[in-house]
Amino acid sequence: MLEVRNEKYIDFARAKGVSDRALVWKHIFRNALIPLIPVITSEAFLLIGGSVLVETVFGINGIGYLFFQAAIQGDLPLVGTLMYIFILITVGINLVQDMLYTIIDPRVGLEGA
């Protein structure tokens, strides 16, 4: 946020008389969030993959542990089903990421797609 605060369009908005509250929420915060969205969604993907490792190492009964046990035992229908669930979660996170982009930055609209 500190980098965005020193941009020229912030000075321009301040010169136009935009209040400090509107300046922070409408200009600084929104533009600071744009590069963070891909980072947050990629961390969500790592959490899905990491759940398999953490649940296996610590013996926690969860979907990651179930996936590992099914793979070890050769239960291919269960492995396929869990892979399908992981893929649906990944696609859902990507859809949320695209929607957040359009909410935060209206210039990235749906027209022309």
PDB file of N, CA and C in Angstrom:
ATOM      1  N   MET A   1       0.819  -1.185   0.000  1.00  0.00           N
ATOM      2  CA  MET A   1       0.000   0.000   0.000  1.00  0.00           C
ATOM      3  C   MET A   1       0.864   1.250   0.000  1.00  0.00           C
ATOM      4  N   LEU A   2       2.060   1.151   0.566  1.00  0.00           N
ATOM      5  CA  LEU A   2       2.923   2.328   0.615  1.00  0.00           C
ATOM      6  C   LEU A   2       3.401   2.725  -0.777  1.00  0.00           C
ATOM      7  N   GLU A   3       3.634   1.725  -1.641  1.00  0.00           N
ATOM      8  CA  GLU A   3       4.050   2.041  -3.005  1.00  0.00           C
ATOM      9  C   GLU A   3       2.921   2.720  -3.772  1.00  0.00           C
ATOM     10  N   VAL A   4       1.708   2.229  -3.610  1.00  0.00           N
ATOM     11  CA  VAL A   4       0.563   2.796  -4.317  1.00  0.00           C
ATOM     12  C   VAL A   4       0.283   4.208  -3.816  1.00  0.00           C
ATOM     13  N   ARG A   5       0.527   4.449  -2.542  1.00  0.00           N
ATOM     14  CA  ARG A   5       0.241   5.757  -1.954  1.00  0.00           C
ATOM     15  C   ARG A   5       1.080   6.873  -2.577  1.00  0.00           C
ATOM     16  N   ASN A   6       2.234   6.537  -3.132  1.00  0.00           N
ATOM     17  CA  ASN A   6       3.121   7.536  -3.722  1.00  0.00           C
ATOM     18  C   ASN A   6       2.925   7.714  -5.225  1.00  0.00           C
ATOM     19  N   GLU A   7       1.909   7.085  -5.798  1.00  0.00           N
ATOM     20  CA  GLU A   7       1.664   7.212  -7.235  1.00  0.00           C
ATOM     21  C   GLU A   7       1.070   8.579  -7.567  1.00  0.00           C
ATOM     22  N   LYS A   8       1.203   8.952  -8.839  1.00  0.00           N
ATOM     23  CA  LYS A   8       0.743  10.271  -9.282  1.00  0.00           C
ATOM     24  C   LYS A   8      -0.781  10.388  -9.262  1.00  0.00           C
ATOM     25  N   TYR A   9      -1.496   9.308  -9.571  1.00  0.00           N
ATOM     26  CA  TYR A   9      -2.959   9.408  -9.588  1.00  0.00           C
ATOM     27  C   TYR A   9      -3.517   9.628  -8.182  1.00  0.00           C
ATOM     28  N   ILE A  10      -2.787   9.228  -7.154  1.00  0.00           N
ATOM     29  CA  ILE A  10      -3.213   9.508  -5.782  1.00  0.00           C
ATOM     30  C   ILE A  10      -3.081  11.007  -5.498  1.00  0.00           C
ATOM     31  N   ASP A  11      -1.968  11.588  -5.955  1.00  0.00           N
ATOM     32  CA  ASP A  11      -1.797  13.038  -5.799  1.00  0.00           C
ATOM     33  C   ASP A  11      -2.878  13.795  -6.565  1.00  0.00           C
ATOM     34  N   PHE A  12      -3.225  13.291  -7.762  1.00  0.00           N
ATOM     35  CA  PHE A  12      -4.261  13.926  -8.572  1.00  0.00           C
ATOM     36  C   PHE A  12      -5.619  13.847  -7.873  1.00  0.00           C
ATOM     37  N   ALA A  13      -5.937  12.677  -7.311  1.00  0.00           N
ATOM     38  CA  ALA A  13      -7.217  12.524  -6.606  1.00  0.00           C
ATOM     39  C   ALA A  13      -7.262  13.420  -5.370  1.00  0.00           C
ATOM     40  N   ARG A  14      -6.134  13.529  -4.686  1.00  0.00           N
ATOM     41  CA  ARG A  14      -6.076  14.401  -3.510  1.00  0.00           C
ATOM     42  C   ARG A  14      -6.270  15.859  -3.922  1.00  0.00           C
ATOM     43  N   ALA A  15      -5.702  16.242  -5.080  1.00  0.00           N
ATOM     44  CA  ALA A  15      -5.847  17.615  -5.572  1.00  0.00           C
ATOM     45  C   ALA A  15      -7.289  17.904  -5.992  1.00  0.00           C
ATOM     46  N   LYS A  16      -8.008  16.862  -6.438  1.00  0.00           N
ATOM     47  CA  LYS A  16      -9.409  17.033  -6.807  1.00  0.00           C
ATOM     48  C   LYS A  16     -10.305  17.199  -5.588  1.00  0.00           C
ATOM     49  N   GLY A  17      -9.783  16.915  -4.403  1.00  0.00           N
ATOM     50  CA  GLY A  17     -10.566  17.104  -3.189  1.00  0.00           C
ATOM     51  C   GLY A  17     -11.218  15.845  -2.664  1.00  0.00           C
ATOM     52  N   VAL A  18     -10.742  14.685  -3.080  1.00  0.00           N
ATOM     53  CA  VAL A  18     -11.289  13.426  -2.580  1.00  0.00           C
ATOM     54  C   VAL A  18     -10.915  13.287  -1.105  1.00  0.00           C
ATOM     55  N   SER A  19     -11.883  12.869  -0.294  1.00  0.00           N
ATOM     56  CA  SER A  19     -11.619  12.734   1.145  1.00  0.00           C
ATOM     57  C   SER A  19     -10.597  11.626   1.392  1.00  0.00           C
ATOM     58  N   ASP A  20      -9.964  11.686   2.544  1.00  0.00           N
ATOM     59  CA  ASP A  20      -8.934  10.695   2.864  1.00  0.00           C
ATOM     60  C   ASP A  20      -9.507   9.283   2.920  1.00  0.00           C
ATOM     61  N   ARG A  21     -10.696   9.147   3.454  1.00  0.00           N
ATOM     62  CA  ARG A  21     -11.325   7.829   3.548  1.00  0.00           C
ATOM     63  C   ARG A  21     -11.611   7.252   2.163  1.00  0.00           C
ATOM     64  N   ALA A  22     -12.191   8.065   1.285  1.00  0.00           N
ATOM     65  CA  ALA A  22     -12.463   7.606  -0.077  1.00  0.00           C
ATOM     66  C   ALA A  22     -11.168   7.349  -0.829  1.00  0.00           C
ATOM     67  N   LEU A  23     -10.166   8.142  -0.556  1.00  0.00           N
ATOM     68  CA  LEU A  23      -8.872   7.966  -1.210  1.00  0.00           C
ATOM     69  C   LEU A  23      -8.268   6.611  -0.848  1.00  0.00           C
ATOM     70  N   VAL A  24      -8.344   6.261   0.418  1.00  0.00           N
ATOM     71  CA  VAL A  24      -7.775   4.982   0.848  1.00  0.00           C
ATOM     72  C   VAL A  24      -8.569   3.819   0.282  1.00  0.00           C
ATOM     73  N   TRP A  25      -9.900   3.845   0.391  1.00  0.00           N
ATOM     74  CA  TRP A  25     -10.703   2.694  -0.016  1.00  0.00           C
ATOM     75  C   TRP A  25     -10.872   2.576  -1.523  1.00  0.00           C
ATOM     76  N   LYS A  26     -11.079   3.683  -2.214  1.00  0.00           N
ATOM     77  CA  LYS A  26     -11.375   3.608  -3.644  1.00  0.00           C
ATOM     78  C   LYS A  26     -10.137   3.617  -4.524  1.00  0.00           C
ATOM     79  N   HIS A  27      -9.064   4.181  -4.049  1.00  0.00           N
ATOM     80  CA  HIS A  27      -7.889   4.306  -4.905  1.00  0.00           C
ATOM     81  C   HIS A  27      -6.709   3.471  -4.404  1.00  0.00           C
ATOM     82  N   ILE A  28      -6.316   3.676  -3.176  1.00  0.00           N
ATOM     83  CA  ILE A  28      -5.108   3.011  -2.680  1.00  0.00           C
ATOM     84  C   ILE A  28      -5.354   1.524  -2.438  1.00  0.00           C
ATOM     85  N   PHE A  29      -6.397   1.194  -1.675  1.00  0.00           N
ATOM     86  CA  PHE A  29      -6.639  -0.196  -1.293  1.00  0.00           C
ATOM     87  C   PHE A  29      -6.946  -1.073  -2.499  1.00  0.00           C
ATOM     88  N   ARG A  30      -7.795  -0.589  -3.399  1.00  0.00           N
ATOM     89  CA  ARG A  30      -8.149  -1.382  -4.572  1.00  0.00           C
ATOM     90  C   ARG A  30      -6.940  -1.670  -5.449  1.00  0.00           C
ATOM     91  N   ASN A  31      -6.124  -0.657  -5.689  1.00  0.00           N
ATOM     92  CA  ASN A  31      -4.966  -0.866  -6.547  1.00  0.00           C
ATOM     93  C   ASN A  31      -3.871  -1.670  -5.857  1.00  0.00           C
ATOM     94  N   ALA A  32      -3.841  -1.667  -4.546  1.00  0.00           N
ATOM     95  CA  ALA A  32      -2.868  -2.493  -3.831  1.00  0.00           C
ATOM     96  C   ALA A  32      -3.290  -3.962  -3.823  1.00  0.00           C
ATOM     97  N   LEU A  33      -4.587  -4.238  -3.955  1.00  0.00           N
ATOM     98  CA  LEU A  33      -5.068  -5.617  -3.940  1.00  0.00           C
ATOM     99  C   LEU A  33      -4.837  -6.352  -5.255  1.00  0.00           C
ATOM    100  N   ILE A  34      -4.721  -5.641  -6.354  1.00  0.00           N
ATOM    101  CA  ILE A  34      -4.634  -6.283  -7.665  1.00  0.00           C
ATOM    102  C   ILE A  34      -3.487  -7.289  -7.747  1.00  0.00           C
ATOM    103  N   PRO A  35      -2.258  -6.952  -7.351  1.00  0.00           N
ATOM    104  CA  PRO A  35      -1.208  -7.970  -7.441  1.00  0.00           C
ATOM    105  C   PRO A  35      -1.294  -9.060  -6.370  1.00  0.00           C
ATOM    106  N   LEU A  36      -2.104  -8.864  -5.340  1.00  0.00           N
ATOM    107  CA  LEU A  36      -2.205  -9.865  -4.278  1.00  0.00           C
ATOM    108  C   LEU A  36      -3.166 -11.001  -4.602  1.00  0.00           C
ATOM    109  N   ILE A  37      -4.098 -10.786  -5.511  1.00  0.00           N
ATOM    110  CA  ILE A  37      -5.099 -11.811  -5.809  1.00  0.00           C
ATOM    111  C   ILE A  37      -4.460 -13.095  -6.336  1.00  0.00           C
ATOM    112  N   PRO A  38      -3.558 -13.051  -7.319  1.00  0.00           N
ATOM    113  CA  PRO A  38      -2.936 -14.314  -7.755  1.00  0.00           C
ATOM    114  C   PRO A  38      -2.112 -14.989  -6.663  1.00  0.00           C
ATOM    115  N   VAL A  39      -1.504 -14.213  -5.798  1.00  0.00           N
ATOM    116  CA  VAL A  39      -0.707 -14.788  -4.709  1.00  0.00           C
ATOM    117  C   VAL A  39      -1.609 -15.545  -3.745  1.00  0.00           C
ATOM    118  N   ILE A  40      -2.739 -14.949  -3.400  1.00  0.00           N
ATOM    119  CA  ILE A  40      -3.661 -15.586  -2.456  1.00  0.00           C
ATOM    120  C   ILE A  40      -4.245 -16.867  -3.049  1.00  0.00           C
ATOM    121  N   THR A  41      -4.620 -16.844  -4.332  1.00  0.00           N
ATOM    122  CA  THR A  41      -5.195 -18.042  -4.940  1.00  0.00           C
ATOM    123  C   THR A  41      -4.149 -19.135  -5.111  1.00  0.00           C
ATOM    124  N   SER A  42      -2.906 -18.775  -5.413  1.00  0.00           N
ATOM    125  CA  SER A  42      -1.876 -19.812  -5.522  1.00  0.00           C
ATOM    126  C   SER A  42      -1.591 -20.426  -4.154  1.00  0.00           C
ATOM    127  N   GLU A  43      -1.698 -19.642  -3.102  1.00  0.00           N
ATOM    128  CA  GLU A  43      -1.545 -20.194  -1.751  1.00  0.00           C
ATOM    129  C   GLU A  43      -2.684 -21.169  -1.442  1.00  0.00           C
ATOM    130  N   ALA A  44      -3.869 -20.897  -1.938  1.00  0.00           N
ATOM    131  CA  ALA A  44      -4.990 -21.813  -1.723  1.00  0.00           C
ATOM    132  C   ALA A  44      -4.725 -23.149  -2.412  1.00  0.00           C
ATOM    133  N   PHE A  45      -4.112 -23.120  -3.604  1.00  0.00           N
ATOM    134  CA  PHE A  45      -3.761 -24.359  -4.291  1.00  0.00           C
ATOM    135  C   PHE A  45      -2.721 -25.138  -3.486  1.00  0.00           C
ATOM    136  N   LEU A  46      -1.759 -24.432  -2.905  1.00  0.00           N
ATOM    137  CA  LEU A  46      -0.742 -25.096  -2.087  1.00  0.00           C
ATOM    138  C   LEU A  46      -1.351 -25.699  -0.822  1.00  0.00           C
ATOM    139  N   LEU A  47      -2.375 -25.050  -0.282  1.00  0.00           N
ATOM    140  CA  LEU A  47      -3.044 -25.605   0.897  1.00  0.00           C
ATOM    141  C   LEU A  47      -3.739 -26.922   0.573  1.00  0.00           C
ATOM    142  N   ILE A  48      -4.315 -27.021  -0.618  1.00  0.00           N
ATOM    143  CA  ILE A  48      -4.973 -28.264  -1.016  1.00  0.00           C
ATOM    144  C   ILE A  48      -3.940 -29.376  -1.136  1.00  0.00           C
ATOM    145  N   GLY A  49      -2.841 -29.093  -1.821  1.00  0.00           N
ATOM    146  CA  GLY A  49      -1.790 -30.099  -1.956  1.00  0.00           C
ATOM    147  C   GLY A  49      -1.098 -30.396  -0.642  1.00  0.00           C
ATOM    148  N   GLY A  50      -0.929 -29.387   0.183  1.00  0.00           N
ATOM    149  CA  GLY A  50      -0.275 -29.577   1.467  1.00  0.00           C
ATOM    150  C   GLY A  50      -1.112 -30.350   2.459  1.00  0.00           C
ATOM    151  N   SER A  51      -2.420 -30.360   2.250  1.00  0.00           N
ATOM    152  CA  SER A  51      -3.277 -31.109   3.172  1.00  0.00           C
ATOM    153  C   SER A  51      -2.969 -32.596   3.102  1.00  0.00           C
ATOM    154  N   VAL A  52      -2.642 -33.085   1.916  1.00  0.00           N
ATOM    155  CA  VAL A  52      -2.291 -34.499   1.770  1.00  0.00           C
ATOM    156  C   VAL A  52      -1.045 -34.804   2.595  1.00  0.00           C
ATOM    157  N   LEU A  53      -0.040 -33.962   2.473  1.00  0.00           N
ATOM    158  CA  LEU A  53       1.217 -34.179   3.188  1.00  0.00           C
ATOM    159  C   LEU A  53       1.043 -34.057   4.703  1.00  0.00           C
ATOM    160  N   VAL A  54       0.400 -32.996   5.146  1.00  0.00           N
ATOM    161  CA  VAL A  54       0.254 -32.755   6.588  1.00  0.00           C
ATOM    162  C   VAL A  54      -0.609 -33.826   7.237  1.00  0.00           C
ATOM    163  N   GLU A  55      -1.709 -34.184   6.610  1.00  0.00           N
ATOM    164  CA  GLU A  55      -2.597 -35.186   7.198  1.00  0.00           C
ATOM    165  C   GLU A  55      -1.947 -36.561   7.218  1.00  0.00           C
ATOM    166  N   THR A  56      -1.110 -36.851   6.226  1.00  0.00           N
ATOM    167  CA  THR A  56      -0.420 -38.136   6.209  1.00  0.00           C
ATOM    168  C   THR A  56       0.659 -38.194   7.282  1.00  0.00           C
ATOM    169  N   VAL A  57       1.452 -37.147   7.397  1.00  0.00           N
ATOM    170  CA  VAL A  57       2.546 -37.134   8.368  1.00  0.00           C
ATOM    171  C   VAL A  57       2.017 -37.195   9.800  1.00  0.00           C
ATOM    172  N   PHE A  58       0.978 -36.430  10.095  1.00  0.00           N
ATOM    173  CA  PHE A  58       0.478 -36.356  11.461  1.00  0.00           C
ATOM    174  C   PHE A  58      -0.677 -37.315  11.744  1.00  0.00           C
ATOM    175  N   GLY A  59      -1.098 -38.091  10.754  1.00  0.00           N
ATOM    176  CA  GLY A  59      -2.150 -39.075  10.965  1.00  0.00           C
ATOM    177  C   GLY A  59      -3.511 -38.476  11.225  1.00  0.00           C
ATOM    178  N   ILE A  60      -3.774 -37.312  10.675  1.00  0.00           N
ATOM    179  CA  ILE A  60      -5.064 -36.650  10.851  1.00  0.00           C
ATOM    180  C   ILE A  60      -6.037 -37.218   9.822  1.00  0.00           C
ATOM    181  N   ASN A  61      -7.213 -37.607  10.272  1.00  0.00           N
ATOM    182  CA  ASN A  61      -8.204 -38.123   9.340  1.00  0.00           C
ATOM    183  C   ASN A  61      -8.868 -36.966   8.615  1.00  0.00           C
ATOM    184  N   GLY A  62      -8.611 -36.874   7.335  1.00  0.00           N
ATOM    185  CA  GLY A  62      -9.182 -35.821   6.508  1.00  0.00           C
ATOM    186  C   GLY A  62      -9.175 -36.270   5.060  1.00  0.00           C
ATOM    187  N   ILE A  63      -9.537 -35.368   4.177  1.00  0.00           N
ATOM    188  CA  ILE A  63      -9.627 -35.725   2.764  1.00  0.00           C
ATOM    189  C   ILE A  63      -8.241 -35.992   2.162  1.00  0.00           C
ATOM    190  N   GLY A  64      -7.215 -35.313   2.658  1.00  0.00           N
ATOM    191  CA  GLY A  64      -5.858 -35.565   2.183  1.00  0.00           C
ATOM    192  C   GLY A  64      -5.363 -36.941   2.589  1.00  0.00           C
ATOM    193  N   TYR A  65      -5.622 -37.315   3.821  1.00  0.00           N
ATOM    194  CA  TYR A  65      -5.235 -38.639   4.310  1.00  0.00           C
ATOM    195  C   TYR A  65      -6.014 -39.722   3.574  1.00  0.00           C
ATOM    196  N   LEU A  66      -7.282 -39.480   3.332  1.00  0.00           N
ATOM    197  CA  LEU A  66      -8.102 -40.430   2.584  1.00  0.00           C
ATOM    198  C   LEU A  66      -7.551 -40.615   1.176  1.00  0.00           C
ATOM    199  N   PHE A  67      -7.138 -39.513   0.547  1.00  0.00           N
ATOM    200  CA  PHE A  67      -6.555 -39.585  -0.791  1.00  0.00           C
ATOM    201  C   PHE A  67      -5.272 -40.413  -0.775  1.00  0.00           C
ATOM    202  N   PHE A  68      -4.410 -40.185   0.201  1.00  0.00           N
ATOM    203  CA  PHE A  68      -3.149 -40.919   0.299  1.00  0.00           C
ATOM    204  C   PHE A  68      -3.401 -42.407   0.512  1.00  0.00           C
ATOM    205  N   GLN A  69      -4.299 -42.748   1.423  1.00  0.00           N
ATOM    206  CA  GLN A  69      -4.593 -44.157   1.690  1.00  0.00           C
ATOM    207  C   GLN A  69      -5.208 -44.843   0.474  1.00  0.00           C
ATOM    208  N   ALA A  70      -6.065 -44.137  -0.242  1.00  0.00           N
ATOM    209  CA  ALA A  70      -6.666 -44.718  -1.443  1.00  0.00           C
ATOM    210  C   ALA A  70      -5.610 -44.954  -2.513  1.00  0.00           C
ATOM    211  N   ALA A  71      -4.651 -44.046  -2.640  1.00  0.00           N
ATOM    212  CA  ALA A  71      -3.582 -44.219  -3.627  1.00  0.00           C
ATOM    213  C   ALA A  71      -2.678 -45.383  -3.245  1.00  0.00           C
ATOM    214  N   ILE A  72      -2.362 -45.530  -1.973  1.00  0.00           N
ATOM    215  CA  ILE A  72      -1.507 -46.628  -1.508  1.00  0.00           C
ATOM    216  C   ILE A  72      -2.196 -47.977  -1.717  1.00  0.00           C
ATOM    217  N   GLN A  73      -3.491 -48.038  -1.431  1.00  0.00           N
ATOM    218  CA  GLN A  73      -4.225 -49.295  -1.533  1.00  0.00           C
ATOM    219  C   GLN A  73      -4.689 -49.598  -2.955  1.00  0.00           C
ATOM    220  N   GLY A  74      -4.511 -48.668  -3.874  1.00  0.00           N
ATOM    221  CA  GLY A  74      -4.902 -48.898  -5.261  1.00  0.00           C
ATOM    222  C   GLY A  74      -6.390 -48.753  -5.513  1.00  0.00           C
ATOM    223  N   ASP A  75      -7.072 -47.993  -4.711  1.00  0.00           N
ATOM    224  CA  ASP A  75      -8.508 -47.765  -4.879  1.00  0.00           C
ATOM    225  C   ASP A  75      -8.698 -46.666  -5.923  1.00  0.00           C
ATOM    226  N   LEU A  76      -8.654 -47.056  -7.192  1.00  0.00           N
ATOM    227  CA  LEU A  76      -8.676 -46.079  -8.280  1.00  0.00           C
ATOM    228  C   LEU A  76      -9.980 -45.293  -8.390  1.00  0.00           C
ATOM    229  N   PRO A  77     -11.152 -45.889  -8.147  1.00  0.00           N
ATOM    230  CA  PRO A  77     -12.365 -45.059  -8.193  1.00  0.00           C
ATOM    231  C   PRO A  77     -12.359 -43.939  -7.152  1.00  0.00           C
ATOM    232  N   LEU A  78     -11.876 -44.236  -5.944  1.00  0.00           N
ATOM    233  CA  LEU A  78     -11.818 -43.205  -4.908  1.00  0.00           C
ATOM    234  C   LEU A  78     -10.764 -42.155  -5.242  1.00  0.00           C
ATOM    235  N   VAL A  79      -9.616 -42.586  -5.766  1.00  0.00           N
ATOM    236  CA  VAL A  79      -8.577 -41.632  -6.173  1.00  0.00           C
ATOM    237  C   VAL A  79      -9.111 -40.721  -7.269  1.00  0.00           C
ATOM    238  N   GLY A  80      -9.804 -41.297  -8.235  1.00  0.00           N
ATOM    239  CA  GLY A  80     -10.381 -40.498  -9.317  1.00  0.00           C
ATOM    240  C   GLY A  80     -11.423 -39.517  -8.816  1.00  0.00           C
ATOM    241  N   THR A  81     -12.255 -39.960  -7.886  1.00  0.00           N
ATOM    242  CA  THR A  81     -13.276 -39.082  -7.322  1.00  0.00           C
ATOM    243  C   THR A  81     -12.655 -37.928  -6.548  1.00  0.00           C
ATOM    244  N   LEU A  82     -11.639 -38.236  -5.746  1.00  0.00           N
ATOM    245  CA  LEU A  82     -10.980 -37.177  -4.979  1.00  0.00           C
ATOM    246  C   LEU A  82     -10.224 -36.216  -5.894  1.00  0.00           C
ATOM    247  N   MET A  83      -9.618 -36.740  -6.953  1.00  0.00           N
ATOM    248  CA  MET A  83      -8.965 -35.853  -7.926  1.00  0.00           C
ATOM    249  C   MET A  83     -10.000 -34.926  -8.568  1.00  0.00           C
ATOM    250  N   TYR A  84     -11.171 -35.472  -8.879  1.00  0.00           N
ATOM    251  CA  TYR A  84     -12.245 -34.669  -9.451  1.00  0.00           C
ATOM    252  C   TYR A  84     -12.670 -33.564  -8.481  1.00  0.00           C
ATOM    253  N   ILE A  85     -12.758 -33.898  -7.195  1.00  0.00           N
ATOM    254  CA  ILE A  85     -13.117 -32.894  -6.185  1.00  0.00           C
ATOM    255  C   ILE A  85     -12.043 -31.820  -6.098  1.00  0.00           C
ATOM    256  N   PHE A  86     -10.755 -32.227  -6.091  1.00  0.00           N
ATOM    257  CA  PHE A  86      -9.664 -31.252  -6.045  1.00  0.00           C
ATOM    258  C   PHE A  86      -9.682 -30.348  -7.272  1.00  0.00           C
ATOM    259  N   ILE A  87      -9.987 -30.922  -8.423  1.00  0.00           N
ATOM    260  CA  ILE A  87     -10.055 -30.123  -9.657  1.00  0.00           C
ATOM    261  C   ILE A  87     -11.221 -29.144  -9.593  1.00  0.00           C
ATOM    262  N   LEU A  88     -12.367 -29.576  -9.076  1.00  0.00           N
ATOM    263  CA  LEU A  88     -13.509 -28.667  -8.928  1.00  0.00           C
ATOM    264  C   LEU A  88     -13.186 -27.520  -7.975  1.00  0.00           C
ATOM    265  N   ILE A  89     -12.472 -27.820  -6.896  1.00  0.00           N
ATOM    266  CA  ILE A  89     -12.064 -26.760  -5.968  1.00  0.00           C
ATOM    267  C   ILE A  89     -11.131 -25.787  -6.669  1.00  0.00           C
ATOM    268  N   THR A  90     -10.199 -26.308  -7.468  1.00  0.00           N
ATOM    269  CA  THR A  90      -9.257 -25.459  -8.194  1.00  0.00           C
ATOM    270  C   THR A  90      -9.981 -24.562  -9.196  1.00  0.00           C
ATOM    271  N   VAL A  91     -10.912 -25.124  -9.935  1.00  0.00           N
ATOM    272  CA  VAL A  91     -11.684 -24.329 -10.896  1.00  0.00           C
ATOM    273  C   VAL A  91     -12.525 -23.292 -10.164  1.00  0.00           C
ATOM    274  N   GLY A  92     -13.108 -23.665  -9.032  1.00  0.00           N
ATOM    275  CA  GLY A  92     -13.884 -22.710  -8.236  1.00  0.00           C
ATOM    276  C   GLY A  92     -13.031 -21.555  -7.734  1.00  0.00           C
ATOM    277  N   ILE A  93     -11.817 -21.857  -7.297  1.00  0.00           N
ATOM    278  CA  ILE A  93     -10.916 -20.797  -6.840  1.00  0.00           C
ATOM    279  C   ILE A  93     -10.545 -19.883  -8.000  1.00  0.00           C
ATOM    280  N   ASN A  94     -10.333 -20.458  -9.187  1.00  0.00           N
ATOM    281  CA  ASN A  94     -10.036 -19.627 -10.359  1.00  0.00           C
ATOM    282  C   ASN A  94     -11.211 -18.728 -10.722  1.00  0.00           C
ATOM    283  N   LEU A  95     -12.429 -19.236 -10.604  1.00  0.00           N
ATOM    284  CA  LEU A  95     -13.605 -18.408 -10.881  1.00  0.00           C
ATOM    285  C   LEU A  95     -13.728 -17.268  -9.873  1.00  0.00           C
ATOM    286  N   VAL A  96     -13.470 -17.569  -8.612  1.00  0.00           N
ATOM    287  CA  VAL A  96     -13.501 -16.520  -7.585  1.00  0.00           C
ATOM    288  C   VAL A  96     -12.426 -15.479  -7.870  1.00  0.00           C
ATOM    289  N   GLN A  97     -11.259 -15.935  -8.307  1.00  0.00           N
ATOM    290  CA  GLN A  97     -10.180 -15.003  -8.647  1.00  0.00           C
ATOM    291  C   GLN A  97     -10.608 -14.072  -9.779  1.00  0.00           C
ATOM    292  N   ASP A  98     -11.220 -14.613 -10.816  1.00  0.00           N
ATOM    293  CA  ASP A  98     -11.674 -13.773 -11.926  1.00  0.00           C
ATOM    294  C   ASP A  98     -12.752 -12.791 -11.485  1.00  0.00           C
ATOM    295  N   MET A  99     -13.662 -13.238 -10.622  1.00  0.00           N
ATOM    296  CA  MET A  99     -14.700 -12.330 -10.135  1.00  0.00           C
ATOM    297  C   MET A  99     -14.111 -11.228  -9.261  1.00  0.00           C
ATOM    298  N   LEU A 100     -13.126 -11.572  -8.444  1.00  0.00           N
ATOM    299  CA  LEU A 100     -12.475 -10.554  -7.616  1.00  0.00           C
ATOM    300  C   LEU A 100     -11.760  -9.522  -8.475  1.00  0.00           C
ATOM    301  N   TYR A 101     -11.165  -9.968  -9.578  1.00  0.00           N
ATOM    302  CA  TYR A 101     -10.521  -9.025 -10.485  1.00  0.00           C
ATOM    303  C   TYR A 101     -11.519  -8.008 -11.020  1.00  0.00           C
ATOM    304  N   THR A 102     -12.698  -8.484 -11.436  1.00  0.00           N
ATOM    305  CA  THR A 102     -13.681  -7.557 -12.000  1.00  0.00           C
ATOM    306  C   THR A 102     -14.296  -6.658 -10.930  1.00  0.00           C
ATOM    307  N   ILE A 103     -14.389  -7.135  -9.690  1.00  0.00           N
ATOM    308  CA  ILE A 103     -14.919  -6.296  -8.616  1.00  0.00           C
ATOM    309  C   ILE A 103     -13.913  -5.226  -8.230  1.00  0.00           C
ATOM    310  N   ILE A 104     -12.663  -5.621  -8.077  1.00  0.00           N
ATOM    311  CA  ILE A 104     -11.635  -4.681  -7.628  1.00  0.00           C
ATOM    312  C   ILE A 104     -11.254  -3.696  -8.717  1.00  0.00           C
ATOM    313  N   ASP A 105     -11.103  -4.185  -9.944  1.00  0.00           N
ATOM    314  CA  ASP A 105     -10.698  -3.316 -11.049  1.00  0.00           C
ATOM    315  C   ASP A 105     -11.742  -3.419 -12.159  1.00  0.00           C
ATOM    316  N   PRO A 106     -12.703  -2.500 -12.226  1.00  0.00           N
ATOM    317  CA  PRO A 106     -13.767  -2.581 -13.226  1.00  0.00           C
ATOM    318  C   PRO A 106     -13.258  -2.480 -14.664  1.00  0.00           C
ATOM    319  N   ARG A 107     -12.033  -2.019 -14.866  1.00  0.00           N
ATOM    320  CA  ARG A 107     -11.481  -1.959 -16.224  1.00  0.00           C
ATOM    321  C   ARG A 107     -11.288  -3.349 -16.806  1.00  0.00           C
ATOM    322  N   VAL A 108     -11.165  -4.348 -15.949  1.00  0.00           N
ATOM    323  CA  VAL A 108     -11.027  -5.725 -16.398  1.00  0.00           C
ATOM    324  C   VAL A 108     -12.431  -6.305 -16.464  1.00  0.00           C
ATOM    325  N   GLY A 109     -13.184  -5.906 -17.464  1.00  0.00           N
ATOM    326  CA  GLY A 109     -14.576  -6.308 -17.554  1.00  0.00           C
ATOM    327  C   GLY A 109     -14.766  -7.561 -18.377  1.00  0.00           C
ATOM    328  N   LEU A 110     -16.012  -7.923 -18.579  1.00  0.00           N
ATOM    329  CA  LEU A 110     -16.348  -9.111 -19.336  1.00  0.00           C
ATOM    330  C   LEU A 110     -16.482  -8.845 -20.825  1.00  0.00           C
ATOM    331  N   GLU A 111     -16.590  -7.596 -21.230  1.00  0.00           N
ATOM    332  CA  GLU A 111     -16.755  -7.311 -22.642  1.00  0.00           C
ATOM    333  C   GLU A 111     -15.454  -7.597 -23.378  1.00  0.00           C
ATOM    334  N   GLY A 112     -15.601  -8.116 -24.588  1.00  0.00           N
ATOM    335  CA  GLY A 112     -14.441  -8.455 -25.399  1.00  0.00           C
ATOM    336  C   GLY A 112     -13.905  -9.847 -25.101  1.00  0.00           C
ATOM    337  N   ALA A 113     -14.583 -10.583 -24.245  1.00  0.00           N
ATOM    338  CA  ALA A 113     -14.082 -11.916 -23.900  1.00  0.00           C
ATOM    339  C   ALA A 113     -14.613 -12.951 -24.855  1.00  0.00           C
TER     340      ALA A 113
END
